[in-house]
Amino acid sequence: MGGEAPRVDAVLTTTPGLALGVLVADCTPILLADPEAGVVGAVHAGRPGLVAGVVDAAVSAARDLGATRLTAAVGPSVCGRCYEVPEAMREEVAAAHPVSATVSWTGTPALDVAAGVVARLNALDVDVTWVPGCTRESARFYSYRRSARTGRTAGVVSVWSR
């Protein structure tokens, strides 16, 4: 094999025993699964990925692999109260994902990427469990925005058998 692994925001598999992981700092982690079809996926959804369609692409790829009853676990990420952005950036994201547009706790333009992720998953007929929590507000979770140093939170999913 050799070489560096490709940098991607989503990976999927149907290989039993192979675990997939997603690492996030303040972005939204998504774990996808259809146990009956033996399909799982791990997705990193930040603002750029949400706008680029990573959620739709991952769900489509899972269905191409045979998934018919997808479920998703959406993990904690930075919340809309804490993710301040320039007005133009909020409008760009809101054009495709209106539910993501919000206001920070100080009244400035902000984004709730996880709300956009959950809305997309719901629109794509994926059963969603949204694990609550803001990475910046809760010390239970790693947050680059809170600590200003590199680190990550991981989510892992695996196909057990087919």
C-alpha atoms as a PDB file:
ATOM      1  CA  MET A   1       0.000   0.000   0.000  1.00  0.00           C
ATOM      2  CA  GLY A   2       2.235   2.798   1.226  1.00  0.00           C
ATOM      3  CA  GLY A   3       1.686   6.486   0.912  1.00  0.00           C
ATOM      4  CA  GLU A   4      -0.510   8.819   2.831  1.00  0.00           C
ATOM      5  CA  ALA A   5      -4.174   8.075   3.415  1.00  0.00           C
ATOM      6  CA  PRO A   6      -6.525  10.323   1.443  1.00  0.00           C
ATOM      7  CA  ARG A   7      -8.117  13.223   3.303  1.00  0.00           C
ATOM      8  CA  VAL A   8     -11.866  12.799   3.183  1.00  0.00           C
ATOM      9  CA  ASP A   9     -14.915  13.840   5.189  1.00  0.00           C
ATOM     10  CA  ALA A  10     -16.792  10.536   4.846  1.00  0.00           C
ATOM     11  CA  VAL A  11     -15.939   6.847   4.777  1.00  0.00           C
ATOM     12  CA  LEU A  12     -18.247   3.862   4.396  1.00  0.00           C
ATOM     13  CA  THR A  13     -17.837   0.099   4.528  1.00  0.00           C
ATOM     14  CA  THR A  14     -19.632  -3.215   4.316  1.00  0.00           C
ATOM     15  CA  THR A  15     -16.648  -5.166   5.682  1.00  0.00           C
ATOM     16  CA  PRO A  16     -17.518  -7.037   8.911  1.00  0.00           C
ATOM     17  CA  GLY A  17     -15.149  -6.272  11.770  1.00  0.00           C
ATOM     18  CA  LEU A  18     -13.755  -3.124  10.171  1.00  0.00           C
ATOM     19  CA  ALA A  19     -14.259  -0.079  12.390  1.00  0.00           C
ATOM     20  CA  LEU A  20     -14.597   3.396  10.911  1.00  0.00           C
ATOM     21  CA  GLY A  21     -13.919   6.551  12.865  1.00  0.00           C
ATOM     22  CA  VAL A  22     -14.503  10.254  12.610  1.00  0.00           C
ATOM     23  CA  LEU A  23     -12.435  12.877  14.432  1.00  0.00           C
ATOM     24  CA  VAL A  24     -13.838  16.318  15.182  1.00  0.00           C
ATOM     25  CA  ALA A  25     -12.866  19.363  17.206  1.00  0.00           C
ATOM     26  CA  ASP A  26     -16.037  21.472  16.993  1.00  0.00           C
ATOM     27  CA  CYS A  27     -17.541  20.117  13.762  1.00  0.00           C
ATOM     28  CA  THR A  28     -20.458  17.698  13.660  1.00  0.00           C
ATOM     29  CA  PRO A  29     -19.687  13.964  13.781  1.00  0.00           C
ATOM     30  CA  ILE A  30     -22.157  11.606  12.114  1.00  0.00           C
ATOM     31  CA  LEU A  31     -22.195   7.818  12.413  1.00  0.00           C
ATOM     32  CA  LEU A  32     -24.415   6.049   9.861  1.00  0.00           C
ATOM     33  CA  ALA A  33     -25.625   2.455  10.041  1.00  0.00           C
ATOM     34  CA  ASP A  34     -27.981  -0.007   8.425  1.00  0.00           C
ATOM     35  CA  PRO A  35     -27.351  -3.181  10.449  1.00  0.00           C
ATOM     36  CA  GLU A  36     -29.570  -5.359   8.240  1.00  0.00           C
ATOM     37  CA  ALA A  37     -27.665  -4.347   5.089  1.00  0.00           C
ATOM     38  CA  GLY A  38     -24.301  -4.390   6.868  1.00  0.00           C
ATOM     39  CA  VAL A  39     -23.454  -0.809   5.873  1.00  0.00           C
ATOM     40  CA  VAL A  40     -21.829   1.752   8.181  1.00  0.00           C
ATOM     41  CA  GLY A  41     -20.268   5.161   7.696  1.00  0.00           C
ATOM     42  CA  ALA A  42     -18.431   7.877   9.579  1.00  0.00           C
ATOM     43  CA  VAL A  43     -18.856  11.494   8.470  1.00  0.00           C
ATOM     44  CA  HIS A  44     -17.168  14.777   9.426  1.00  0.00           C
ATOM     45  CA  ALA A  45     -19.563  17.665   8.781  1.00  0.00           C
ATOM     46  CA  GLY A  46     -18.178  21.128   9.270  1.00  0.00           C
ATOM     47  CA  ARG A  47     -19.519  24.261   7.635  1.00  0.00           C
ATOM     48  CA  PRO A  48     -17.625  23.689   4.352  1.00  0.00           C
ATOM     49  CA  GLY A  49     -18.673  20.042   4.191  1.00  0.00           C
ATOM     50  CA  LEU A  50     -22.313  20.821   4.895  1.00  0.00           C
ATOM     51  CA  VAL A  51     -22.336  23.402   2.097  1.00  0.00           C
ATOM     52  CA  ALA A  52     -20.513  21.016  -0.268  1.00  0.00           C
ATOM     53  CA  GLY A  53     -23.093  18.270   0.349  1.00  0.00           C
ATOM     54  CA  VAL A  54     -21.152  15.750   2.441  1.00  0.00           C
ATOM     55  CA  VAL A  55     -24.326  14.579   4.206  1.00  0.00           C
ATOM     56  CA  ASP A  56     -26.168  13.919   0.951  1.00  0.00           C
ATOM     57  CA  ALA A  57     -23.120  12.250  -0.601  1.00  0.00           C
ATOM     58  CA  ALA A  58     -22.603   9.925   2.376  1.00  0.00           C
ATOM     59  CA  VAL A  59     -26.262   8.893   2.486  1.00  0.00           C
ATOM     60  CA  SER A  60     -26.276   8.328  -1.276  1.00  0.00           C
ATOM     61  CA  ALA A  61     -23.102   6.215  -1.081  1.00  0.00           C
ATOM     62  CA  ALA A  62     -24.567   4.161   1.779  1.00  0.00           C
ATOM     63  CA  ARG A  63     -27.656   3.485  -0.293  1.00  0.00           C
ATOM     64  CA  ASP A  64     -25.471   2.544  -3.258  1.00  0.00           C
ATOM     65  CA  LEU A  65     -23.890  -0.055  -0.955  1.00  0.00           C
ATOM     66  CA  GLY A  66     -27.325  -1.519  -0.177  1.00  0.00           C
ATOM     67  CA  ALA A  67     -28.569   0.469   2.831  1.00  0.00           C
ATOM     68  CA  THR A  68     -32.352   0.799   2.889  1.00  0.00           C
ATOM     69  CA  ARG A  69     -33.045   1.685   6.550  1.00  0.00           C
ATOM     70  CA  LEU A  70     -30.318   4.092   7.589  1.00  0.00           C
ATOM     71  CA  THR A  71     -29.975   5.419  11.077  1.00  0.00           C
ATOM     72  CA  ALA A  72     -27.640   8.196  12.170  1.00  0.00           C
ATOM     73  CA  ALA A  73     -26.082   9.239  15.444  1.00  0.00           C
ATOM     74  CA  VAL A  74     -25.199  12.929  15.336  1.00  0.00           C
ATOM     75  CA  GLY A  75     -22.716  13.841  18.033  1.00  0.00           C
ATOM     76  CA  PRO A  76     -22.044  17.006  20.000  1.00  0.00           C
ATOM     77  CA  SER A  77     -20.536  19.985  18.190  1.00  0.00           C
ATOM     78  CA  VAL A  78     -20.242  23.719  18.647  1.00  0.00           C
ATOM     79  CA  CYS A  79     -23.752  25.138  18.972  1.00  0.00           C
ATOM     80  CA  GLY A  80     -25.247  28.125  17.218  1.00  0.00           C
ATOM     81  CA  ARG A  81     -24.907  30.314  20.305  1.00  0.00           C
ATOM     82  CA  CYS A  82     -21.119  29.813  20.153  1.00  0.00           C
ATOM     83  CA  TYR A  83     -20.345  29.708  16.414  1.00  0.00           C
ATOM     84  CA  GLU A  84     -20.115  33.363  15.403  1.00  0.00           C
ATOM     85  CA  VAL A  85     -19.503  34.005  11.700  1.00  0.00           C
ATOM     86  CA  PRO A  86     -19.571  36.980   9.334  1.00  0.00           C
ATOM     87  CA  GLU A  87     -23.046  37.836   8.011  1.00  0.00           C
ATOM     88  CA  ALA A  88     -22.065  36.888   4.444  1.00  0.00           C
ATOM     89  CA  MET A  89     -20.957  33.424   5.588  1.00  0.00           C
ATOM     90  CA  ARG A  90     -24.201  32.864   7.476  1.00  0.00           C
ATOM     91  CA  GLU A  91     -26.185  33.881   4.376  1.00  0.00           C
ATOM     92  CA  GLU A  92     -24.146  31.537   2.149  1.00  0.00           C
ATOM     93  CA  VAL A  93     -24.895  28.565   4.389  1.00  0.00           C
ATOM     94  CA  ALA A  94     -28.525  29.607   4.945  1.00  0.00           C
ATOM     95  CA  ALA A  95     -29.124  29.675   1.180  1.00  0.00           C
ATOM     96  CA  ALA A  96     -28.790  25.883   1.154  1.00  0.00           C
ATOM     97  CA  HIS A  97     -29.565  25.097   4.807  1.00  0.00           C
ATOM     98  CA  PRO A  98     -31.930  27.738   6.240  1.00  0.00           C
ATOM     99  CA  VAL A  99     -32.268  26.068   9.644  1.00  0.00           C
ATOM    100  CA  SER A 100     -28.523  26.599  10.202  1.00  0.00           C
ATOM    101  CA  ALA A 101     -28.830  30.397  10.331  1.00  0.00           C
ATOM    102  CA  THR A 102     -29.014  31.670  13.874  1.00  0.00           C
ATOM    103  CA  VAL A 103     -27.758  34.341  16.273  1.00  0.00           C
ATOM    104  CA  SER A 104     -24.965  33.943  18.830  1.00  0.00           C
ATOM    105  CA  TRP A 105     -25.397  34.550  22.524  1.00  0.00           C
ATOM    106  CA  THR A 106     -24.085  38.093  21.932  1.00  0.00           C
ATOM    107  CA  GLY A 107     -26.565  38.776  19.117  1.00  0.00           C
ATOM    108  CA  THR A 108     -24.100  38.425  16.221  1.00  0.00           C
ATOM    109  CA  PRO A 109     -24.601  36.294  13.080  1.00  0.00           C
ATOM    110  CA  ALA A 110     -23.997  32.624  13.813  1.00  0.00           C
ATOM    111  CA  LEU A 111     -24.413  29.119  12.437  1.00  0.00           C
ATOM    112  CA  ASP A 112     -25.804  25.909  13.877  1.00  0.00           C
ATOM    113  CA  VAL A 113     -24.188  23.319  11.600  1.00  0.00           C
ATOM    114  CA  ALA A 114     -25.627  20.378  13.556  1.00  0.00           C
ATOM    115  CA  ALA A 115     -29.169  21.686  13.023  1.00  0.00           C
ATOM    116  CA  GLY A 116     -28.445  21.775   9.277  1.00  0.00           C
ATOM    117  CA  VAL A 117     -27.038  18.240   9.408  1.00  0.00           C
ATOM    118  CA  VAL A 118     -30.083  16.898  11.256  1.00  0.00           C
ATOM    119  CA  ALA A 119     -32.452  18.674   8.856  1.00  0.00           C
ATOM    120  CA  ARG A 120     -30.662  17.149   5.843  1.00  0.00           C
ATOM    121  CA  LEU A 121     -30.702  13.671   7.364  1.00  0.00           C
ATOM    122  CA  ASN A 122     -34.417  14.001   8.132  1.00  0.00           C
ATOM    123  CA  ALA A 123     -35.084  15.208   4.568  1.00  0.00           C
ATOM    124  CA  LEU A 124     -33.193  12.158   3.275  1.00  0.00           C
ATOM    125  CA  ASP A 125     -35.417   9.836   5.367  1.00  0.00           C
ATOM    126  CA  VAL A 126     -32.678   8.844   7.826  1.00  0.00           C
ATOM    127  CA  ASP A 127     -33.705   8.068  11.413  1.00  0.00           C
ATOM    128  CA  VAL A 128     -31.651  10.432  13.619  1.00  0.00           C
ATOM    129  CA  THR A 129     -30.483  10.323  17.223  1.00  0.00           C
ATOM    130  CA  TRP A 130     -28.953  13.694  18.102  1.00  0.00           C
ATOM    131  CA  VAL A 131     -26.634  13.479  21.110  1.00  0.00           C
ATOM    132  CA  PRO A 132     -26.968  16.819  22.914  1.00  0.00           C
ATOM    133  CA  GLY A 133     -24.138  19.051  23.956  1.00  0.00           C
ATOM    134  CA  CYS A 134     -22.084  22.016  22.831  1.00  0.00           C
ATOM    135  CA  THR A 135     -18.378  21.298  22.548  1.00  0.00           C
ATOM    136  CA  ARG A 136     -17.459  24.869  23.470  1.00  0.00           C
ATOM    137  CA  GLU A 137     -19.792  25.119  26.459  1.00  0.00           C
ATOM    138  CA  SER A 138     -19.198  21.687  28.013  1.00  0.00           C
ATOM    139  CA  ALA A 139     -15.848  20.517  29.383  1.00  0.00           C
ATOM    140  CA  ARG A 140     -17.060  16.927  28.725  1.00  0.00           C
ATOM    141  CA  PHE A 141     -16.164  17.443  25.054  1.00  0.00           C
ATOM    142  CA  TYR A 142     -13.010  18.643  23.312  1.00  0.00           C
ATOM    143  CA  SER A 143     -13.295  22.095  21.721  1.00  0.00           C
ATOM    144  CA  TYR A 144     -10.661  23.972  19.788  1.00  0.00           C
ATOM    145  CA  ARG A 145     -12.786  27.102  20.148  1.00  0.00           C
ATOM    146  CA  ARG A 146     -12.683  26.771  23.929  1.00  0.00           C
ATOM    147  CA  SER A 147      -9.093  25.588  24.503  1.00  0.00           C
ATOM    148  CA  ALA A 148      -7.266  26.967  21.408  1.00  0.00           C
ATOM    149  CA  ARG A 149      -5.074  23.872  21.180  1.00  0.00           C
ATOM    150  CA  THR A 150      -5.200  20.855  18.923  1.00  0.00           C
ATOM    151  CA  GLY A 151      -7.180  17.800  20.008  1.00  0.00           C
ATOM    152  CA  ARG A 152     -10.136  15.751  18.815  1.00  0.00           C
ATOM    153  CA  THR A 153     -13.212  13.815  19.841  1.00  0.00           C
ATOM    154  CA  ALA A 154     -13.761  10.481  18.097  1.00  0.00           C
ATOM    155  CA  GLY A 155     -16.810   8.536  17.005  1.00  0.00           C
ATOM    156  CA  VAL A 156     -16.487   4.907  15.898  1.00  0.00           C
ATOM    157  CA  VAL A 157     -18.867   2.546  14.080  1.00  0.00           C
ATOM    158  CA  SER A 158     -18.422  -1.021  12.858  1.00  0.00           C
ATOM    159  CA  VAL A 159     -20.214  -3.768  10.936  1.00  0.00           C
ATOM    160  CA  TRP A 160     -20.449  -6.774  13.282  1.00  0.00           C
ATOM    161  CA  SER A 161     -21.808  -9.351  10.875  1.00  0.00           C
ATOM    162  CA  ARG A 162     -23.910  -9.672   7.744  1.00  0.00           C
END
